[in-house]
Amino acid sequence: RCPRCNTSIRSWDIATRTCYACPTCQPLSDDVGDDTAVAIGKPTTLFNSHCAQESLPMRLAQGASKLTVMELKSELQKRLLPDTGKKAELVQRLQAHLSNGEVKSECLKILSAPEAALEKAQAGENR
């Protein structure tokens, strides 16, 4: 949702790139060139941005679908749950477990820089 007006963020493809904007605050102008194919109206889906990464606890709080497969498997292993299957199955399994009322205080803990670097290395991330 747009933090300014609370409208749903929309996405569209322009020249094979996905663009995201609030249709109220950032309306698409009518002067789009003829050579640009624009398909507007798709609702956005959560994804993990590699340019502006959020911490694991923040992404987990927003929904398990933002986690990578390695992170999902790690979270499932911490909870002694099966960690096999496709990403959709892992997300569903973790979400079901979390929705059963589990509140894990360490998920809300702010990590120091060395702790964050260690967590990142354990998740197999190199950036």
N, C-alpha and C. Protein backbone atom coordinates (compact mmCIF):
# COMPACT_ATOMS: atom_id res chain seq x y z
N ARG A 1 0.84 -1.18 0.00
CA ARG A 1 0.00 0.00 0.00
C ARG A 1 0.88 1.24 0.00
N CYS A 2 0.38 2.27 -0.62
CA CYS A 2 1.11 3.53 -0.69
C CYS A 2 1.16 4.16 0.71
N PRO A 3 2.35 4.52 1.19
CA PRO A 3 2.43 5.13 2.52
C PRO A 3 1.85 6.53 2.56
N ARG A 4 1.66 7.14 1.40
CA ARG A 4 1.15 8.50 1.35
C ARG A 4 -0.37 8.56 1.35
N CYS A 5 -1.02 7.71 0.50
CA CYS A 5 -2.48 7.81 0.36
C CYS A 5 -3.20 6.49 0.66
N ASN A 6 -2.44 5.43 0.95
CA ASN A 6 -2.99 4.12 1.31
C ASN A 6 -3.70 3.40 0.16
N THR A 7 -3.41 3.79 -1.06
CA THR A 7 -3.94 3.11 -2.25
C THR A 7 -3.07 1.90 -2.55
N SER A 8 -3.64 0.87 -3.14
CA SER A 8 -2.87 -0.32 -3.51
C SER A 8 -1.84 0.04 -4.58
N ILE A 9 -0.63 -0.42 -4.39
CA ILE A 9 0.43 -0.22 -5.38
C ILE A 9 0.15 -1.14 -6.57
N ARG A 10 0.37 -0.65 -7.78
CA ARG A 10 0.15 -1.43 -9.01
C ARG A 10 1.48 -1.64 -9.70
N SER A 11 1.53 -2.65 -10.53
CA SER A 11 2.74 -2.91 -11.30
C SER A 11 2.38 -3.06 -12.77
N TRP A 12 3.34 -2.77 -13.63
CA TRP A 12 3.15 -2.95 -15.05
C TRP A 12 4.52 -3.16 -15.69
N ASP A 13 4.51 -3.68 -16.91
CA ASP A 13 5.74 -3.95 -17.63
C ASP A 13 5.98 -2.87 -18.67
N ILE A 14 7.18 -2.32 -18.67
CA ILE A 14 7.59 -1.36 -19.68
C ILE A 14 8.93 -1.85 -20.21
N ALA A 15 8.97 -2.19 -21.47
CA ALA A 15 10.19 -2.65 -22.13
C ALA A 15 10.85 -3.77 -21.33
N THR A 16 10.10 -4.76 -20.99
CA THR A 16 10.51 -5.96 -20.26
C THR A 16 10.98 -5.71 -18.83
N ARG A 17 10.72 -4.53 -18.29
CA ARG A 17 11.05 -4.22 -16.89
C ARG A 17 9.75 -4.03 -16.13
N THR A 18 9.69 -4.48 -14.88
CA THR A 18 8.51 -4.31 -14.07
C THR A 18 8.63 -3.00 -13.29
N CYS A 19 7.60 -2.18 -13.38
CA CYS A 19 7.57 -0.89 -12.69
C CYS A 19 6.47 -0.92 -11.64
N TYR A 20 6.68 -0.23 -10.53
CA TYR A 20 5.72 -0.19 -9.43
C TYR A 20 5.42 1.27 -9.11
N ALA A 21 4.15 1.59 -8.90
CA ALA A 21 3.78 2.96 -8.55
C ALA A 21 2.37 2.99 -7.98
N CYS A 22 2.09 4.06 -7.27
CA CYS A 22 0.74 4.31 -6.77
C CYS A 22 -0.04 5.00 -7.89
N PRO A 23 -1.18 4.45 -8.32
CA PRO A 23 -1.91 5.08 -9.41
C PRO A 23 -2.50 6.44 -9.04
N THR A 24 -2.64 6.72 -7.76
CA THR A 24 -3.17 8.02 -7.32
C THR A 24 -2.07 9.08 -7.27
N CYS A 25 -0.98 8.75 -6.60
CA CYS A 25 0.12 9.70 -6.42
C CYS A 25 1.03 9.80 -7.64
N GLN A 26 1.13 8.72 -8.40
CA GLN A 26 2.02 8.69 -9.56
C GLN A 26 1.27 8.16 -10.78
N PRO A 27 0.29 8.91 -11.27
CA PRO A 27 -0.49 8.41 -12.41
C PRO A 27 0.37 8.29 -13.67
N LEU A 28 0.06 7.29 -14.47
CA LEU A 28 0.76 7.08 -15.73
C LEU A 28 0.31 8.15 -16.71
N SER A 29 1.25 8.86 -17.30
CA SER A 29 0.87 9.93 -18.23
C SER A 29 0.43 9.33 -19.56
N ASP A 30 -0.34 10.09 -20.30
CA ASP A 30 -0.87 9.64 -21.59
C ASP A 30 0.16 9.75 -22.71
N ASP A 31 1.28 10.41 -22.44
CA ASP A 31 2.26 10.63 -23.51
C ASP A 31 3.32 9.54 -23.58
N VAL A 32 2.94 8.30 -23.25
CA VAL A 32 3.86 7.18 -23.37
C VAL A 32 4.07 6.92 -24.86
N GLY A 33 5.31 6.75 -25.26
CA GLY A 33 5.63 6.56 -26.67
C GLY A 33 4.97 5.31 -27.26
N ASP A 34 4.77 5.32 -28.58
CA ASP A 34 4.13 4.19 -29.26
C ASP A 34 4.98 2.93 -29.21
N ASP A 35 6.30 3.07 -29.09
CA ASP A 35 7.16 1.89 -29.11
C ASP A 35 7.26 1.21 -27.74
N THR A 36 6.60 1.75 -26.72
CA THR A 36 6.64 1.17 -25.37
C THR A 36 5.35 0.42 -25.11
N ALA A 37 5.48 -0.87 -24.86
CA ALA A 37 4.30 -1.68 -24.54
C ALA A 37 4.03 -1.59 -23.04
N VAL A 38 2.84 -1.16 -22.67
CA VAL A 38 2.48 -0.98 -21.27
C VAL A 38 1.24 -1.80 -20.97
N ALA A 39 1.32 -2.66 -19.97
CA ALA A 39 0.18 -3.45 -19.51
C ALA A 39 -0.03 -3.11 -18.04
N ILE A 40 -1.02 -2.28 -17.75
CA ILE A 40 -1.27 -1.80 -16.39
C ILE A 40 -2.37 -2.61 -15.73
N GLY A 41 -2.30 -2.68 -14.42
CA GLY A 41 -3.41 -3.24 -13.69
C GLY A 41 -3.11 -4.47 -12.87
N LYS A 42 -1.91 -5.03 -12.99
CA LYS A 42 -1.60 -6.20 -12.19
C LYS A 42 -1.41 -5.79 -10.74
N PRO A 43 -2.04 -6.51 -9.81
CA PRO A 43 -1.74 -6.23 -8.41
C PRO A 43 -0.31 -6.68 -8.10
N THR A 44 0.33 -6.01 -7.20
CA THR A 44 1.71 -6.33 -6.89
C THR A 44 1.81 -7.56 -5.99
N THR A 45 2.94 -8.21 -6.06
CA THR A 45 3.23 -9.33 -5.17
C THR A 45 4.51 -9.00 -4.42
N LEU A 46 4.60 -9.47 -3.19
CA LEU A 46 5.78 -9.20 -2.38
C LEU A 46 6.97 -9.93 -2.97
N PHE A 47 8.12 -9.28 -2.93
CA PHE A 47 9.34 -9.91 -3.38
C PHE A 47 10.50 -9.34 -2.59
N ASN A 48 11.59 -10.04 -2.59
CA ASN A 48 12.78 -9.62 -1.87
C ASN A 48 13.67 -8.84 -2.82
N SER A 49 13.77 -7.54 -2.61
CA SER A 49 14.58 -6.70 -3.48
C SER A 49 16.06 -6.91 -3.16
N HIS A 50 16.87 -7.10 -4.18
CA HIS A 50 18.31 -7.24 -3.98
C HIS A 50 18.98 -5.88 -3.89
N CYS A 51 18.29 -4.82 -4.30
CA CYS A 51 18.85 -3.48 -4.24
C CYS A 51 18.66 -2.84 -2.87
N ALA A 52 17.52 -3.07 -2.26
CA ALA A 52 17.21 -2.48 -0.95
C ALA A 52 16.69 -3.58 -0.04
N GLN A 53 17.60 -4.46 0.37
CA GLN A 53 17.19 -5.62 1.16
C GLN A 53 16.73 -5.24 2.56
N GLU A 54 15.73 -5.94 3.00
CA GLU A 54 15.24 -5.81 4.37
C GLU A 54 15.80 -6.97 5.17
N SER A 55 15.85 -6.82 6.48
CA SER A 55 16.38 -7.88 7.32
C SER A 55 15.43 -9.08 7.30
N LEU A 56 15.97 -10.23 7.66
CA LEU A 56 15.18 -11.45 7.71
C LEU A 56 13.96 -11.31 8.62
N PRO A 57 14.10 -10.77 9.84
CA PRO A 57 12.92 -10.62 10.70
C PRO A 57 11.84 -9.72 10.09
N MET A 58 12.25 -8.66 9.39
CA MET A 58 11.27 -7.77 8.77
C MET A 58 10.52 -8.48 7.65
N ARG A 59 11.27 -9.23 6.82
CA ARG A 59 10.62 -9.96 5.73
C ARG A 59 9.72 -11.05 6.25
N LEU A 60 10.14 -11.72 7.32
CA LEU A 60 9.33 -12.78 7.91
C LEU A 60 8.04 -12.20 8.49
N ALA A 61 8.12 -11.01 9.07
CA ALA A 61 6.93 -10.36 9.62
C ALA A 61 5.95 -9.97 8.51
N GLN A 62 6.46 -9.69 7.30
CA GLN A 62 5.61 -9.30 6.18
C GLN A 62 5.01 -10.50 5.47
N GLY A 63 5.56 -11.66 5.69
CA GLY A 63 5.05 -12.87 5.04
C GLY A 63 6.19 -13.76 4.60
N ALA A 64 6.02 -15.04 4.77
CA ALA A 64 7.07 -16.00 4.45
C ALA A 64 7.43 -16.01 2.97
N SER A 65 6.56 -15.51 2.11
CA SER A 65 6.83 -15.54 0.67
C SER A 65 8.01 -14.66 0.29
N LYS A 66 8.41 -13.72 1.15
CA LYS A 66 9.55 -12.85 0.84
C LYS A 66 10.89 -13.49 1.16
N LEU A 67 10.87 -14.66 1.81
CA LEU A 67 12.11 -15.34 2.16
C LEU A 67 12.61 -16.18 0.99
N THR A 68 13.92 -16.36 0.94
CA THR A 68 14.49 -17.25 -0.08
C THR A 68 14.26 -18.69 0.37
N VAL A 69 14.47 -19.62 -0.53
CA VAL A 69 14.28 -21.03 -0.19
C VAL A 69 15.23 -21.44 0.92
N MET A 70 16.47 -20.97 0.87
CA MET A 70 17.44 -21.30 1.93
C MET A 70 16.97 -20.76 3.28
N GLU A 71 16.44 -19.53 3.28
CA GLU A 71 15.95 -18.94 4.53
C GLU A 71 14.72 -19.69 5.04
N LEU A 72 13.83 -20.07 4.12
CA LEU A 72 12.65 -20.84 4.51
C LEU A 72 13.05 -22.16 5.15
N LYS A 73 13.99 -22.85 4.53
CA LYS A 73 14.44 -24.14 5.07
C LYS A 73 15.07 -23.96 6.44
N SER A 74 15.85 -22.90 6.60
CA SER A 74 16.48 -22.63 7.89
C SER A 74 15.43 -22.35 8.97
N GLU A 75 14.42 -21.54 8.64
CA GLU A 75 13.36 -21.22 9.60
C GLU A 75 12.55 -22.48 9.96
N LEU A 76 12.30 -23.33 8.97
CA LEU A 76 11.56 -24.56 9.23
C LEU A 76 12.38 -25.51 10.11
N GLN A 77 13.68 -25.59 9.86
CA GLN A 77 14.55 -26.44 10.67
C GLN A 77 14.59 -25.96 12.12
N LYS A 78 14.61 -24.62 12.32
CA LYS A 78 14.61 -24.06 13.68
C LYS A 78 13.37 -24.50 14.45
N ARG A 79 12.27 -24.69 13.70
CA ARG A 79 11.00 -25.05 14.33
C ARG A 79 10.74 -26.56 14.28
N LEU A 80 11.77 -27.32 13.87
CA LEU A 80 11.68 -28.79 13.79
C LEU A 80 10.56 -29.25 12.87
N LEU A 81 10.39 -28.53 11.76
CA LEU A 81 9.38 -28.88 10.75
C LEU A 81 10.09 -29.43 9.52
N PRO A 82 9.39 -30.23 8.71
CA PRO A 82 9.99 -30.75 7.48
C PRO A 82 10.42 -29.60 6.56
N ASP A 83 11.59 -29.72 5.97
CA ASP A 83 12.09 -28.64 5.11
C ASP A 83 12.27 -29.09 3.66
N THR A 84 11.43 -30.02 3.22
CA THR A 84 11.51 -30.49 1.84
C THR A 84 10.29 -30.01 1.07
N GLY A 85 10.46 -29.85 -0.23
CA GLY A 85 9.36 -29.44 -1.09
C GLY A 85 9.71 -28.19 -1.87
N LYS A 86 8.78 -27.77 -2.70
CA LYS A 86 8.95 -26.56 -3.49
C LYS A 86 8.71 -25.34 -2.61
N LYS A 87 9.11 -24.17 -3.11
CA LYS A 87 9.01 -22.96 -2.30
C LYS A 87 7.59 -22.71 -1.82
N ALA A 88 6.60 -22.91 -2.68
CA ALA A 88 5.21 -22.67 -2.28
C ALA A 88 4.81 -23.55 -1.09
N GLU A 89 5.28 -24.79 -1.10
CA GLU A 89 4.98 -25.70 0.01
C GLU A 89 5.68 -25.25 1.29
N LEU A 90 6.93 -24.80 1.17
CA LEU A 90 7.67 -24.33 2.33
C LEU A 90 7.01 -23.09 2.93
N VAL A 91 6.59 -22.17 2.06
CA VAL A 91 5.92 -20.95 2.52
C VAL A 91 4.64 -21.32 3.25
N GLN A 92 3.85 -22.19 2.65
CA GLN A 92 2.58 -22.59 3.26
C GLN A 92 2.81 -23.26 4.62
N ARG A 93 3.82 -24.12 4.71
CA ARG A 93 4.11 -24.82 5.96
C ARG A 93 4.54 -23.84 7.06
N LEU A 94 5.40 -22.89 6.71
CA LEU A 94 5.87 -21.92 7.70
C LEU A 94 4.74 -20.97 8.10
N GLN A 95 3.96 -20.51 7.11
CA GLN A 95 2.83 -19.62 7.42
C GLN A 95 1.83 -20.31 8.33
N ALA A 96 1.54 -21.58 8.07
CA ALA A 96 0.59 -22.32 8.90
C ALA A 96 1.11 -22.42 10.33
N HIS A 97 2.40 -22.66 10.46
CA HIS A 97 2.99 -22.77 11.80
C HIS A 97 2.96 -21.42 12.51
N LEU A 98 3.28 -20.35 11.79
CA LEU A 98 3.29 -19.02 12.40
C LEU A 98 1.89 -18.56 12.76
N SER A 99 0.90 -18.93 11.95
CA SER A 99 -0.47 -18.49 12.22
C SER A 99 -1.10 -19.25 13.38
N ASN A 100 -0.45 -20.32 13.84
CA ASN A 100 -0.95 -21.06 15.00
C ASN A 100 -0.59 -20.37 16.31
N GLY A 101 -0.15 -19.13 16.23
CA GLY A 101 0.08 -18.34 17.42
C GLY A 101 1.50 -18.28 17.90
N GLU A 102 2.43 -18.80 17.13
CA GLU A 102 3.82 -18.73 17.57
C GLU A 102 4.30 -17.29 17.46
N VAL A 103 4.82 -16.78 18.54
CA VAL A 103 5.45 -15.47 18.52
C VAL A 103 6.88 -15.69 18.99
N LYS A 104 7.78 -15.50 18.11
CA LYS A 104 9.18 -15.76 18.42
C LYS A 104 9.87 -14.43 18.67
N SER A 105 10.26 -14.19 19.91
CA SER A 105 10.84 -12.90 20.27
C SER A 105 12.12 -12.61 19.51
N GLU A 106 12.90 -13.66 19.16
CA GLU A 106 14.14 -13.41 18.45
C GLU A 106 13.89 -12.90 17.03
N CYS A 107 12.68 -13.10 16.48
CA CYS A 107 12.37 -12.58 15.16
C CYS A 107 12.23 -11.06 15.19
N LEU A 108 11.94 -10.52 16.36
CA LEU A 108 11.76 -9.09 16.50
C LEU A 108 13.02 -8.41 17.01
N LYS A 109 14.06 -9.18 17.28
CA LYS A 109 15.30 -8.64 17.83
C LYS A 109 16.07 -7.90 16.75
N ILE A 110 16.61 -6.74 17.11
CA ILE A 110 17.45 -5.99 16.20
C ILE A 110 18.86 -6.53 16.33
N LEU A 111 19.46 -6.88 15.21
CA LEU A 111 20.78 -7.49 15.20
C LEU A 111 21.87 -6.44 15.09
N SER A 112 23.01 -6.74 15.70
CA SER A 112 24.19 -5.89 15.53
C SER A 112 24.76 -6.17 14.13
N ALA A 113 25.68 -5.34 13.69
CA ALA A 113 26.27 -5.52 12.36
C ALA A 113 26.97 -6.88 12.23
N PRO A 114 27.77 -7.31 13.22
CA PRO A 114 28.40 -8.64 13.08
C PRO A 114 27.38 -9.78 13.08
N GLU A 115 26.32 -9.66 13.90
CA GLU A 115 25.28 -10.70 13.92
C GLU A 115 24.56 -10.75 12.58
N ALA A 116 24.27 -9.57 12.01
CA ALA A 116 23.59 -9.51 10.72
C ALA A 116 24.46 -10.11 9.62
N ALA A 117 25.78 -9.83 9.67
CA ALA A 117 26.69 -10.39 8.67
C ALA A 117 26.75 -11.91 8.78
N LEU A 118 26.75 -12.42 10.01
CA LEU A 118 26.77 -13.86 10.21
C LEU A 118 25.48 -14.49 9.69
N GLU A 119 24.34 -13.87 9.99
CA GLU A 119 23.05 -14.38 9.51
C GLU A 119 23.01 -14.40 7.99
N LYS A 120 23.54 -13.34 7.38
CA LYS A 120 23.56 -13.24 5.93
C LYS A 120 24.43 -14.35 5.33
N ALA A 121 25.58 -14.59 5.93
CA ALA A 121 26.48 -15.64 5.45
C ALA A 121 25.84 -17.01 5.59
N GLN A 122 25.12 -17.25 6.70
CA GLN A 122 24.48 -18.52 6.92
C GLN A 122 23.35 -18.74 5.92
N ALA A 123 22.74 -17.66 5.46
CA ALA A 123 21.65 -17.78 4.48
C ALA A 123 22.19 -17.93 3.05
N GLY A 124 23.52 -17.86 2.91
CA GLY A 124 24.11 -18.05 1.59
C GLY A 124 24.11 -16.81 0.72
N GLU A 125 23.91 -15.66 1.33
CA GLU A 125 23.90 -14.40 0.57
C GLU A 125 25.32 -13.85 0.50
N ASN A 126 25.65 -13.24 -0.61
CA ASN A 126 27.01 -12.72 -0.75
C ASN A 126 27.06 -11.22 -0.96
N ARG A 127 25.93 -10.53 -0.86
CA ARG A 127 25.94 -9.07 -1.03
C ARG A 127 25.62 -8.42 0.27
